[in-house]
Amino acid sequence: MGIEILRQRLVIDNSFLGKQLNQFIFSRLKEVAENDCTKEYGYILKVNKLMKIIDNYISNVNSELVFIVEFEAETLKPQINDIFEDEIFLVLRGGIFFNINNKFKVLIPPNSLSQYHFDTDTKSYVNSTNILVKGTKCKLKITGIRYINKKFDCFGELI
């Protein structure tokens, strides 16, 4: 996770002009930006504060107010070699899935689980010392990343 300074274009109805404008802009910013995902910054987990209004103008189309704002946000972007600890989300013969911070999924493919064998009865990966089932907490390292349709999908390995 990191802290980033980001920019956002917001459209606001002109009925919200008044003393509470900055509070309304902040509320609208939280609605629009939180949980959004971009390739450059990753997932916006939380908008911390409105830094400044960079520009504003009236739309020629429908007379709505348009604001360009700068804000501080907590972000989460997966990177190769990042290490996460989370619970197993799903166990299949085709690998183990993790859902990191409920934002992006990581697949541990079967070829990365060579020291384990898949038990079809218990739907788990088993070796002499461990059983990997849904809900088991594990550490993993990201080994591959793909960004598509405003989300990240990752591959990894257990550590």
Protein backbone atom coordinates (compact mmCIF):
# COMPACT_ATOMS: atom_id res chain seq x y z
CA MET A 1 0.00 0.00 0.00
CA GLY A 2 1.09 3.51 -0.65
CA ILE A 3 0.00 7.13 -0.42
CA GLU A 4 -0.39 8.93 -3.76
CA ILE A 5 -1.41 12.41 -4.88
CA LEU A 6 -3.96 11.97 -7.69
CA ARG A 7 -6.13 14.13 -9.94
CA GLN A 8 -9.79 13.59 -10.71
CA ARG A 9 -12.40 15.31 -12.87
CA LEU A 10 -15.71 15.70 -11.02
CA VAL A 11 -19.08 16.80 -12.41
CA ILE A 12 -21.34 18.47 -9.84
CA ASP A 13 -24.84 19.83 -10.22
CA ASN A 14 -24.95 23.62 -9.76
CA SER A 15 -27.51 23.27 -6.95
CA PHE A 16 -24.61 22.36 -4.63
CA LEU A 17 -22.94 25.76 -4.84
CA GLY A 18 -22.70 27.33 -1.40
CA LYS A 19 -20.83 27.27 1.89
CA GLN A 20 -20.64 23.47 1.95
CA LEU A 21 -19.09 23.18 -1.55
CA ASN A 22 -15.73 21.76 -0.39
CA GLN A 23 -17.46 19.15 1.79
CA PHE A 24 -19.72 18.16 -1.09
CA ILE A 25 -16.74 17.91 -3.48
CA PHE A 26 -14.95 15.67 -0.95
CA SER A 27 -18.04 13.44 -0.58
CA ARG A 28 -18.47 13.22 -4.35
CA LEU A 29 -14.77 12.46 -4.74
CA LYS A 30 -15.06 9.55 -2.30
CA GLU A 31 -18.05 8.19 -4.26
CA VAL A 32 -16.28 8.41 -7.60
CA ALA A 33 -12.68 7.53 -6.75
CA GLU A 34 -12.74 4.95 -3.94
CA ASN A 35 -12.52 1.36 -5.18
CA ASP A 36 -11.59 2.56 -8.67
CA CYS A 37 -8.58 0.90 -10.31
CA THR A 38 -6.10 2.29 -12.82
CA LYS A 39 -3.07 0.66 -14.39
CA GLU A 40 -0.83 3.49 -13.18
CA TYR A 41 -1.87 3.69 -9.50
CA GLY A 42 -3.72 0.45 -8.81
CA TYR A 43 -6.73 0.34 -6.50
CA ILE A 44 -7.77 3.48 -4.65
CA LEU A 45 -8.56 2.12 -1.20
CA LYS A 46 -9.38 5.37 0.57
CA VAL A 47 -9.51 9.08 -0.24
CA ASN A 48 -7.72 10.76 2.68
CA LYS A 49 -8.15 14.43 1.90
CA LEU A 50 -8.89 16.97 -0.78
CA MET A 51 -5.65 18.82 -1.46
CA LYS A 52 -6.82 21.56 -3.81
CA ILE A 53 -9.17 22.52 -6.61
CA ILE A 54 -6.95 22.91 -9.67
CA ASP A 55 -9.57 24.17 -12.13
CA ASN A 56 -13.31 24.57 -12.56
CA TYR A 57 -15.62 25.49 -15.40
CA ILE A 58 -19.22 25.25 -16.53
CA SER A 59 -20.09 22.53 -19.01
CA ASN A 60 -21.32 23.83 -22.38
CA VAL A 61 -23.63 20.84 -22.75
CA ASN A 62 -25.79 20.95 -19.62
CA SER A 63 -24.49 23.79 -17.40
CA GLU A 64 -23.11 21.41 -14.77
CA LEU A 65 -20.04 22.43 -12.81
CA VAL A 66 -16.83 20.59 -13.64
CA PHE A 67 -13.99 20.55 -11.12
CA ILE A 68 -10.47 19.23 -11.55
CA VAL A 69 -9.22 18.34 -8.07
CA GLU A 70 -6.04 17.02 -6.52
CA PHE A 71 -6.33 14.62 -3.60
CA GLU A 72 -4.37 12.29 -1.35
CA ALA A 73 -5.32 8.62 -1.44
CA GLU A 74 -4.23 5.24 -0.12
CA THR A 75 -3.55 2.93 -3.04
CA LEU A 76 -2.74 -0.73 -3.55
CA LYS A 77 -0.93 -1.78 -6.72
CA PRO A 78 0.47 -5.28 -7.08
CA GLN A 79 4.09 -5.46 -8.22
CA ILE A 80 6.31 -8.40 -9.14
CA ASN A 81 8.04 -9.78 -6.00
CA ASP A 82 5.52 -8.15 -3.62
CA ILE A 83 4.77 -10.38 -0.64
CA PHE A 84 1.27 -10.67 0.83
CA GLU A 85 -0.29 -12.74 3.57
CA ASP A 86 -3.93 -13.73 3.21
CA GLU A 87 -6.32 -16.64 3.46
CA ILE A 88 -6.89 -19.13 0.67
CA PHE A 89 -10.06 -18.13 -1.17
CA LEU A 90 -10.56 -21.20 -3.39
CA VAL A 91 -8.82 -24.54 -3.93
CA LEU A 92 -9.14 -26.32 -7.28
CA ARG A 93 -7.14 -28.96 -9.10
CA GLY A 94 -5.99 -26.06 -11.32
CA GLY A 95 -4.42 -24.19 -8.39
CA ILE A 96 -5.05 -22.13 -5.29
CA PHE A 97 -6.67 -18.68 -5.36
CA PHE A 98 -6.16 -15.82 -2.95
CA ASN A 99 -8.30 -12.64 -2.87
CA ILE A 100 -5.85 -10.01 -1.61
CA ASN A 101 -7.61 -7.30 0.45
CA ASN A 102 -10.79 -8.21 -1.48
CA LYS A 103 -9.32 -6.24 -4.41
CA PHE A 104 -7.39 -8.59 -6.70
CA LYS A 105 -7.01 -12.32 -7.10
CA VAL A 106 -3.77 -14.27 -7.15
CA LEU A 107 -3.52 -17.76 -8.63
CA ILE A 108 -0.88 -20.17 -7.38
CA PRO A 109 -0.74 -22.62 -10.32
CA PRO A 110 -0.26 -26.37 -9.77
CA ASN A 111 3.29 -26.29 -11.21
CA SER A 112 4.22 -24.00 -8.27
CA LEU A 113 2.79 -26.58 -5.87
CA SER A 114 5.05 -29.47 -6.93
CA GLN A 115 5.77 -30.44 -3.31
CA TYR A 116 2.01 -30.96 -2.74
CA HIS A 117 -0.51 -33.35 -4.24
CA PHE A 118 -4.19 -32.56 -4.80
CA ASP A 119 -6.63 -34.57 -2.66
CA THR A 120 -9.94 -34.75 -4.54
CA ASP A 121 -11.88 -35.96 -1.48
CA THR A 122 -11.00 -32.99 0.73
CA LYS A 123 -10.38 -30.53 -2.14
CA SER A 124 -7.03 -29.58 -0.70
CA TYR A 125 -3.34 -29.66 -1.50
CA VAL A 126 -1.45 -31.91 0.92
CA ASN A 127 2.15 -32.72 1.71
CA SER A 128 3.80 -34.43 4.68
CA THR A 129 3.56 -31.35 6.94
CA ASN A 130 0.83 -29.05 5.55
CA ILE A 131 -2.74 -29.13 4.31
CA LEU A 132 -3.82 -26.21 2.14
CA VAL A 133 -7.60 -25.71 2.26
CA LYS A 134 -9.95 -22.77 1.98
CA GLY A 135 -9.32 -20.40 4.91
CA THR A 136 -5.68 -21.39 5.46
CA LYS A 137 -3.49 -18.31 5.93
CA CYS A 138 -0.36 -18.30 3.75
CA LYS A 139 2.37 -15.98 2.54
CA LEU A 140 2.75 -15.60 -1.19
CA LYS A 141 4.94 -13.74 -3.63
CA ILE A 142 3.64 -12.16 -6.85
CA THR A 143 5.43 -13.58 -9.91
CA GLY A 144 3.21 -12.29 -12.73
CA ILE A 145 0.70 -9.47 -13.25
CA ARG A 146 -1.96 -8.71 -15.85
CA TYR A 147 -4.15 -5.59 -16.00
CA ILE A 148 -7.40 -5.92 -17.96
CA ASN A 149 -10.88 -4.38 -17.68
CA LYS A 150 -9.89 -2.04 -14.83
CA LYS A 151 -8.57 -4.82 -12.57
CA PHE A 152 -5.40 -6.76 -11.84
CA ASP A 153 -5.06 -10.53 -12.04
CA CYS A 154 -1.87 -12.01 -10.65
CA PHE A 155 0.11 -15.24 -10.52
CA GLY A 156 2.26 -16.18 -7.59
CA GLU A 157 4.02 -18.77 -5.52
CA LEU A 158 3.89 -19.75 -1.87
CA ILE A 159 6.81 -18.74 0.34
